Amino acid sequence: MMHSNQRGSVILEALISMLLFSIGILAIVGLQAVSIKNVAAAKYRTDASLLVNQVIGQMWVSNKANATLVANFSSPAGANYATWASAVAQALPGVSGIPANAPTIAIDANNNATVTVFWQAPDEADTHNYTAIAVVTD
């Protein structure tokens, strides 16, 4: 009757191994979710960098006189600013409809341009930003 002491041990081992396997699968699913969130955050940072560098490039190929740069690119009244700000609102989440998240361009008397874009990822309370400073001269 040695078998009676071992009765049910195989089922117990199977249940424990299923529990460990399930915990492992849940951990992998959690890692996948974090990975997807990080990829989305990297995409927003890349898009922000691209948009900022795009408008700085436009400044470089335009008339570099300070008055012209200010008239064309300073926020919120610049002619080129409006077109660029619209592209930012389409590319980054949480920009349109939130005045505090509107992109900004400030150009000082020495043609130092400070360009900042803001975005707010879905399901996040924090606002993110990307800022670049460029000297636009001949």
N, C-alpha and C. Protein backbone atom coordinates (compact mmCIF):
# COMPACT_ATOMS: atom_id res chain seq x y z
N MET A 1 0.80 -1.19 0.00
CA MET A 1 0.00 0.00 0.00
C MET A 1 0.85 1.26 0.00
N MET A 2 1.95 1.19 -0.59
CA MET A 2 2.78 2.38 -0.70
C MET A 2 2.20 3.41 -1.64
N HIS A 3 1.36 2.98 -2.51
CA HIS A 3 0.81 3.89 -3.50
C HIS A 3 -0.14 4.91 -2.88
N SER A 4 -0.74 4.63 -1.79
CA SER A 4 -1.71 5.57 -1.19
C SER A 4 -1.05 6.86 -0.72
N ASN A 5 0.21 6.84 -0.33
CA ASN A 5 0.90 8.06 0.08
C ASN A 5 1.21 8.97 -1.10
N GLN A 6 1.31 8.42 -2.26
CA GLN A 6 1.66 9.19 -3.46
C GLN A 6 0.42 9.63 -4.25
N ARG A 7 -0.73 9.27 -3.80
CA ARG A 7 -1.95 9.53 -4.53
C ARG A 7 -2.18 11.05 -4.67
N GLY A 8 -2.39 11.53 -5.91
CA GLY A 8 -2.67 12.94 -6.18
C GLY A 8 -1.43 13.80 -6.39
N SER A 9 -0.25 13.26 -6.23
CA SER A 9 0.95 14.08 -6.37
C SER A 9 1.18 14.52 -7.82
N VAL A 10 0.79 13.71 -8.77
CA VAL A 10 0.96 14.07 -10.18
C VAL A 10 0.06 15.25 -10.53
N ILE A 11 -1.15 15.23 -10.05
CA ILE A 11 -2.08 16.35 -10.30
C ILE A 11 -1.56 17.61 -9.63
N LEU A 12 -1.06 17.50 -8.43
CA LEU A 12 -0.51 18.66 -7.73
C LEU A 12 0.68 19.22 -8.49
N GLU A 13 1.57 18.38 -8.96
CA GLU A 13 2.71 18.84 -9.75
C GLU A 13 2.24 19.51 -11.04
N ALA A 14 1.23 18.96 -11.68
CA ALA A 14 0.70 19.55 -12.91
C ALA A 14 0.09 20.92 -12.63
N LEU A 15 -0.65 21.05 -11.55
CA LEU A 15 -1.26 22.34 -11.20
C LEU A 15 -0.20 23.39 -10.88
N ILE A 16 0.82 23.00 -10.17
CA ILE A 16 1.90 23.94 -9.84
C ILE A 16 2.63 24.37 -11.11
N SER A 17 2.89 23.43 -12.00
CA SER A 17 3.59 23.80 -13.24
C SER A 17 2.70 24.68 -14.11
N MET A 18 1.38 24.46 -14.13
CA MET A 18 0.47 25.33 -14.87
C MET A 18 0.45 26.73 -14.27
N LEU A 19 0.50 26.82 -12.95
CA LEU A 19 0.54 28.12 -12.28
C LEU A 19 1.80 28.88 -12.65
N LEU A 20 2.94 28.21 -12.60
CA LEU A 20 4.20 28.86 -12.97
C LEU A 20 4.21 29.28 -14.43
N PHE A 21 3.68 28.43 -15.30
CA PHE A 21 3.61 28.76 -16.72
C PHE A 21 2.70 29.97 -16.94
N SER A 22 1.57 30.02 -16.25
CA SER A 22 0.64 31.15 -16.38
C SER A 22 1.27 32.45 -15.91
N ILE A 23 2.00 32.39 -14.82
CA ILE A 23 2.69 33.59 -14.32
C ILE A 23 3.72 34.06 -15.34
N GLY A 24 4.43 33.13 -15.93
CA GLY A 24 5.41 33.48 -16.97
C GLY A 24 4.75 34.13 -18.17
N ILE A 25 3.62 33.60 -18.62
CA ILE A 25 2.90 34.17 -19.76
C ILE A 25 2.41 35.57 -19.42
N LEU A 26 1.87 35.76 -18.22
CA LEU A 26 1.41 37.09 -17.81
C LEU A 26 2.57 38.09 -17.76
N ALA A 27 3.72 37.65 -17.34
CA ALA A 27 4.90 38.53 -17.32
C ALA A 27 5.29 38.94 -18.73
N ILE A 28 5.24 38.00 -19.66
CA ILE A 28 5.57 38.31 -21.05
C ILE A 28 4.56 39.28 -21.64
N VAL A 29 3.28 39.10 -21.35
CA VAL A 29 2.25 40.02 -21.84
C VAL A 29 2.48 41.41 -21.26
N GLY A 30 2.83 41.50 -19.98
CA GLY A 30 3.13 42.79 -19.36
C GLY A 30 4.33 43.47 -20.01
N LEU A 31 5.37 42.71 -20.30
CA LEU A 31 6.54 43.27 -20.98
C LEU A 31 6.17 43.76 -22.37
N GLN A 32 5.32 43.03 -23.05
CA GLN A 32 4.88 43.44 -24.39
C GLN A 32 4.11 44.76 -24.32
N ALA A 33 3.25 44.93 -23.33
CA ALA A 33 2.49 46.17 -23.18
C ALA A 33 3.41 47.35 -22.91
N VAL A 34 4.39 47.17 -22.05
CA VAL A 34 5.35 48.23 -21.76
C VAL A 34 6.17 48.55 -23.01
N SER A 35 6.53 47.54 -23.75
CA SER A 35 7.30 47.74 -24.98
C SER A 35 6.50 48.55 -26.00
N ILE A 36 5.24 48.25 -26.16
CA ILE A 36 4.39 49.00 -27.10
C ILE A 36 4.27 50.45 -26.66
N LYS A 37 4.11 50.70 -25.38
CA LYS A 37 4.02 52.07 -24.87
C LYS A 37 5.33 52.82 -25.13
N ASN A 38 6.46 52.17 -24.92
CA ASN A 38 7.75 52.82 -25.16
C ASN A 38 7.99 53.10 -26.64
N VAL A 39 7.53 52.22 -27.50
CA VAL A 39 7.66 52.46 -28.95
C VAL A 39 6.83 53.67 -29.35
N ALA A 40 5.63 53.79 -28.81
CA ALA A 40 4.79 54.95 -29.12
C ALA A 40 5.44 56.23 -28.62
N ALA A 41 6.01 56.20 -27.43
CA ALA A 41 6.68 57.39 -26.89
C ALA A 41 7.88 57.78 -27.75
N ALA A 42 8.62 56.80 -28.23
CA ALA A 42 9.76 57.08 -29.10
C ALA A 42 9.30 57.68 -30.42
N LYS A 43 8.18 57.20 -30.93
CA LYS A 43 7.64 57.75 -32.18
C LYS A 43 7.26 59.21 -31.99
N TYR A 44 6.61 59.55 -30.88
CA TYR A 44 6.23 60.95 -30.64
C TYR A 44 7.46 61.84 -30.53
N ARG A 45 8.50 61.35 -29.84
CA ARG A 45 9.74 62.15 -29.72
C ARG A 45 10.40 62.34 -31.09
N THR A 46 10.40 61.30 -31.90
CA THR A 46 10.98 61.39 -33.23
C THR A 46 10.19 62.36 -34.11
N ASP A 47 8.86 62.26 -34.06
CA ASP A 47 8.02 63.18 -34.83
C ASP A 47 8.24 64.62 -34.39
N ALA A 48 8.34 64.84 -33.08
CA ALA A 48 8.57 66.19 -32.56
C ALA A 48 9.90 66.74 -33.06
N SER A 49 10.93 65.93 -33.00
CA SER A 49 12.25 66.35 -33.48
C SER A 49 12.21 66.68 -34.97
N LEU A 50 11.55 65.84 -35.74
CA LEU A 50 11.43 66.06 -37.18
C LEU A 50 10.71 67.37 -37.47
N LEU A 51 9.61 67.63 -36.78
CA LEU A 51 8.84 68.86 -37.02
C LEU A 51 9.63 70.10 -36.63
N VAL A 52 10.34 70.04 -35.52
CA VAL A 52 11.15 71.19 -35.09
C VAL A 52 12.27 71.45 -36.10
N ASN A 53 12.95 70.41 -36.51
CA ASN A 53 14.03 70.58 -37.48
C ASN A 53 13.51 71.02 -38.85
N GLN A 54 12.30 70.62 -39.18
CA GLN A 54 11.69 71.04 -40.44
C GLN A 54 11.50 72.56 -40.46
N VAL A 55 10.94 73.11 -39.39
CA VAL A 55 10.70 74.56 -39.38
C VAL A 55 12.02 75.33 -39.28
N ILE A 56 13.00 74.80 -38.59
CA ILE A 56 14.32 75.46 -38.55
C ILE A 56 14.94 75.43 -39.95
N GLY A 57 14.78 74.36 -40.67
CA GLY A 57 15.26 74.29 -42.05
C GLY A 57 14.58 75.31 -42.94
N GLN A 58 13.28 75.51 -42.73
CA GLN A 58 12.56 76.53 -43.49
C GLN A 58 13.11 77.92 -43.18
N MET A 59 13.47 78.15 -41.93
CA MET A 59 14.06 79.44 -41.56
C MET A 59 15.39 79.64 -42.28
N TRP A 60 16.18 78.58 -42.36
CA TRP A 60 17.50 78.67 -42.99
C TRP A 60 17.41 79.00 -44.48
N VAL A 61 16.38 78.53 -45.17
CA VAL A 61 16.28 78.79 -46.60
C VAL A 61 15.48 80.05 -46.92
N SER A 62 14.89 80.68 -45.90
CA SER A 62 14.14 81.91 -46.14
C SER A 62 15.06 83.12 -45.98
N ASN A 63 14.48 84.28 -46.16
CA ASN A 63 15.20 85.53 -45.93
C ASN A 63 15.57 85.58 -44.45
N LYS A 64 16.84 85.75 -44.14
CA LYS A 64 17.30 85.67 -42.75
C LYS A 64 17.30 87.02 -42.04
N ALA A 65 16.76 88.05 -42.67
CA ALA A 65 16.64 89.33 -41.97
C ALA A 65 15.72 89.14 -40.77
N ASN A 66 16.10 89.71 -39.65
CA ASN A 66 15.36 89.49 -38.41
C ASN A 66 13.88 89.82 -38.55
N ALA A 67 13.58 90.95 -39.15
CA ALA A 67 12.17 91.36 -39.29
C ALA A 67 11.39 90.35 -40.12
N THR A 68 12.01 89.80 -41.15
CA THR A 68 11.34 88.81 -42.00
C THR A 68 11.13 87.50 -41.25
N LEU A 69 12.15 87.06 -40.53
CA LEU A 69 12.00 85.83 -39.74
C LEU A 69 10.89 85.97 -38.71
N VAL A 70 10.87 87.09 -38.02
CA VAL A 70 9.84 87.31 -37.00
C VAL A 70 8.46 87.34 -37.65
N ALA A 71 8.33 88.06 -38.78
CA ALA A 71 7.03 88.16 -39.45
C ALA A 71 6.54 86.81 -39.96
N ASN A 72 7.45 85.98 -40.43
CA ASN A 72 7.04 84.71 -41.03
C ASN A 72 6.92 83.55 -40.05
N PHE A 73 7.75 83.55 -39.01
CA PHE A 73 7.83 82.34 -38.19
C PHE A 73 7.45 82.52 -36.72
N SER A 74 7.40 83.73 -36.21
CA SER A 74 7.09 83.88 -34.78
C SER A 74 5.65 83.47 -34.51
N SER A 75 5.46 82.80 -33.38
CA SER A 75 4.12 82.39 -33.01
C SER A 75 3.45 83.53 -32.27
N PRO A 76 2.18 83.69 -32.37
CA PRO A 76 1.21 82.93 -33.16
C PRO A 76 0.84 83.57 -34.48
N ALA A 77 1.44 84.71 -34.83
CA ALA A 77 0.96 85.46 -35.99
C ALA A 77 1.73 85.20 -37.28
N GLY A 78 2.85 84.51 -37.23
CA GLY A 78 3.67 84.32 -38.43
C GLY A 78 2.95 83.52 -39.51
N ALA A 79 3.14 83.92 -40.75
CA ALA A 79 2.46 83.25 -41.87
C ALA A 79 2.89 81.79 -41.99
N ASN A 80 4.18 81.53 -41.95
CA ASN A 80 4.68 80.15 -42.04
C ASN A 80 4.41 79.38 -40.75
N TYR A 81 4.32 80.10 -39.64
CA TYR A 81 4.04 79.45 -38.36
C TYR A 81 2.69 78.73 -38.40
N ALA A 82 1.68 79.38 -38.96
CA ALA A 82 0.34 78.79 -38.97
C ALA A 82 0.32 77.46 -39.71
N THR A 83 0.98 77.40 -40.84
CA THR A 83 1.04 76.16 -41.62
C THR A 83 1.78 75.07 -40.85
N TRP A 84 2.90 75.45 -40.26
CA TRP A 84 3.70 74.49 -39.49
C TRP A 84 2.95 74.01 -38.26
N ALA A 85 2.29 74.94 -37.55
CA ALA A 85 1.54 74.56 -36.34
C ALA A 85 0.42 73.59 -36.67
N SER A 86 -0.18 73.75 -37.83
CA SER A 86 -1.22 72.83 -38.27
C SER A 86 -0.64 71.43 -38.49
N ALA A 87 0.55 71.36 -39.08
CA ALA A 87 1.22 70.06 -39.28
C ALA A 87 1.56 69.42 -37.94
N VAL A 88 1.98 70.23 -36.98
CA VAL A 88 2.29 69.71 -35.63
C VAL A 88 1.03 69.13 -34.99
N ALA A 89 -0.08 69.86 -35.11
CA ALA A 89 -1.34 69.40 -34.51
C ALA A 89 -1.81 68.09 -35.13
N GLN A 90 -1.53 67.89 -36.41
CA GLN A 90 -1.93 66.64 -37.06
C GLN A 90 -1.00 65.48 -36.70
N ALA A 91 0.26 65.77 -36.44
CA ALA A 91 1.25 64.70 -36.23
C ALA A 91 1.35 64.24 -34.78
N LEU A 92 1.11 65.15 -33.84
CA LEU A 92 1.31 64.81 -32.43
C LEU A 92 -0.02 64.81 -31.68
N PRO A 93 -0.21 63.86 -30.76
CA PRO A 93 -1.47 63.80 -30.02
C PRO A 93 -1.53 64.86 -28.93
N GLY A 94 -2.74 65.30 -28.63
CA GLY A 94 -2.96 66.22 -27.53
C GLY A 94 -2.54 67.65 -27.81
N VAL A 95 -2.37 68.01 -29.09
CA VAL A 95 -1.97 69.38 -29.43
C VAL A 95 -3.18 70.21 -29.78
N SER A 96 -4.02 69.70 -30.68
CA SER A 96 -5.17 70.48 -31.11
C SER A 96 -6.22 70.55 -30.01
N GLY A 97 -6.78 71.72 -29.85
CA GLY A 97 -7.82 71.92 -28.85
C GLY A 97 -7.30 72.25 -27.46
N ILE A 98 -6.00 72.22 -27.26
CA ILE A 98 -5.42 72.55 -25.95
C ILE A 98 -4.44 73.70 -26.16
N PRO A 99 -4.86 74.93 -25.88
CA PRO A 99 -3.99 76.09 -26.15
C PRO A 99 -2.62 76.00 -25.48
N ALA A 100 -2.54 75.41 -24.30
CA ALA A 100 -1.25 75.30 -23.61
C ALA A 100 -0.28 74.39 -24.35
N ASN A 101 -0.80 73.51 -25.22
CA ASN A 101 0.06 72.59 -25.96
C ASN A 101 0.39 73.08 -27.37
N ALA A 102 0.03 74.31 -27.68
CA ALA A 102 0.35 74.86 -29.00
C ALA A 102 1.86 75.02 -29.14
N PRO A 103 2.41 74.71 -30.30
CA PRO A 103 3.86 74.88 -30.49
C PRO A 103 4.24 76.35 -30.46
N THR A 104 5.47 76.63 -30.05
CA THR A 104 5.92 78.02 -29.96
C THR A 104 7.23 78.20 -30.72
N ILE A 105 7.36 79.39 -31.31
CA ILE A 105 8.61 79.80 -31.95
C ILE A 105 8.88 81.22 -31.47
N ALA A 106 10.03 81.41 -30.85
CA ALA A 106 10.45 82.74 -30.40
C ALA A 106 11.77 83.07 -31.08
N ILE A 107 11.84 84.25 -31.68
CA ILE A 107 13.05 84.69 -32.37
C ILE A 107 13.48 86.01 -31.76
N ASP A 108 14.70 86.05 -31.21
CA ASP A 108 15.18 87.29 -30.59
C ASP A 108 15.88 88.17 -31.62
N ALA A 109 16.40 89.30 -31.17
CA ALA A 109 17.02 90.29 -32.06
C ALA A 109 18.29 89.75 -32.73
N ASN A 110 18.92 88.73 -32.16
CA ASN A 110 20.15 88.15 -32.72
C ASN A 110 19.86 86.93 -33.60
N ASN A 111 18.61 86.73 -33.97
CA ASN A 111 18.17 85.58 -34.78
C ASN A 111 18.36 84.24 -34.08
N ASN A 112 18.31 84.23 -32.77
CA ASN A 112 18.28 82.98 -32.02
C ASN A 112 16.83 82.50 -32.01
N ALA A 113 16.58 81.40 -32.65
CA ALA A 113 15.21 80.86 -32.72
C ALA A 113 15.07 79.72 -31.72
N THR A 114 14.08 79.84 -30.86
CA THR A 114 13.76 78.78 -29.91
C THR A 114 12.43 78.17 -30.33
N VAL A 115 12.47 76.91 -30.71
CA VAL A 115 11.28 76.22 -31.21
C VAL A 115 10.92 75.12 -30.21
N THR A 116 9.67 75.12 -29.77
CA THR A 116 9.21 74.12 -28.80
C THR A 116 7.90 73.53 -29.28
N VAL A 117 7.81 72.21 -29.24
CA VAL A 117 6.54 71.53 -29.50
C VAL A 117 6.16 70.74 -28.25
N PHE A 118 4.87 70.64 -28.04
CA PHE A 118 4.31 69.93 -26.89
C PHE A 118 3.39 68.83 -27.41
N TRP A 119 3.26 67.77 -26.65
CA TRP A 119 2.28 66.75 -26.97
C TRP A 119 1.89 66.04 -25.69
N GLN A 120 0.73 65.41 -25.75
CA GLN A 120 0.23 64.66 -24.61
C GLN A 120 -0.24 63.31 -25.14
N ALA A 121 0.48 62.28 -24.77
CA ALA A 121 0.16 60.93 -25.24
C ALA A 121 -1.21 60.50 -24.72
N PRO A 122 -1.90 59.68 -25.49
CA PRO A 122 -3.20 59.18 -25.01
C PRO A 122 -3.06 58.47 -23.67
N ASP A 123 -4.02 58.68 -22.82
CA ASP A 123 -4.07 58.05 -21.49
C ASP A 123 -2.94 58.49 -20.58
N GLU A 124 -2.35 59.65 -20.84
CA GLU A 124 -1.32 60.19 -19.96
C GLU A 124 -1.72 61.58 -19.51
N ALA A 125 -1.44 61.91 -18.27
CA ALA A 125 -1.75 63.23 -17.75
C ALA A 125 -0.62 64.22 -18.01
N ASP A 126 0.59 63.72 -18.15
CA ASP A 126 1.75 64.59 -18.33
C ASP A 126 1.88 65.08 -19.76
N THR A 127 2.32 66.33 -19.90
CA THR A 127 2.62 66.90 -21.20
C THR A 127 4.12 66.76 -21.45
N HIS A 128 4.48 66.35 -22.64
CA HIS A 128 5.88 66.21 -23.02
C HIS A 128 6.24 67.36 -23.95
N ASN A 129 7.53 67.68 -24.03
CA ASN A 129 7.95 68.74 -24.96
C ASN A 129 9.31 68.43 -25.54
N TYR A 130 9.57 69.08 -26.67
CA TYR A 130 10.86 68.99 -27.34
C TYR A 130 11.22 70.41 -27.74
N THR A 131 12.41 70.86 -27.37
CA THR A 131 12.86 72.22 -27.67
C THR A 131 14.20 72.18 -28.38
N ALA A 132 14.32 73.03 -29.39
CA ALA A 132 15.60 73.20 -30.09
C ALA A 132 15.86 74.69 -30.24
N ILE A 133 17.12 75.05 -30.12
CA ILE A 133 17.54 76.45 -30.29
C ILE A 133 18.53 76.48 -31.44
N ALA A 134 18.28 77.39 -32.38
CA ALA A 134 19.15 77.52 -33.55
C ALA A 134 19.44 78.99 -33.80
N VAL A 135 20.64 79.26 -34.25
CA VAL A 135 21.02 80.61 -34.66
C VAL A 135 20.89 80.65 -36.17
N VAL A 136 19.98 81.48 -36.67
CA VAL A 136 19.70 81.54 -38.10
C VAL A 136 20.33 82.82 -38.66
N THR A 137 21.53 82.67 -39.19
CA THR A 137 22.24 83.82 -39.76
C THR A 137 22.84 83.44 -41.10
N ASP A 138 23.33 84.45 -41.80
CA ASP A 138 23.99 84.19 -43.09
C ASP A 138 25.34 83.56 -42.90
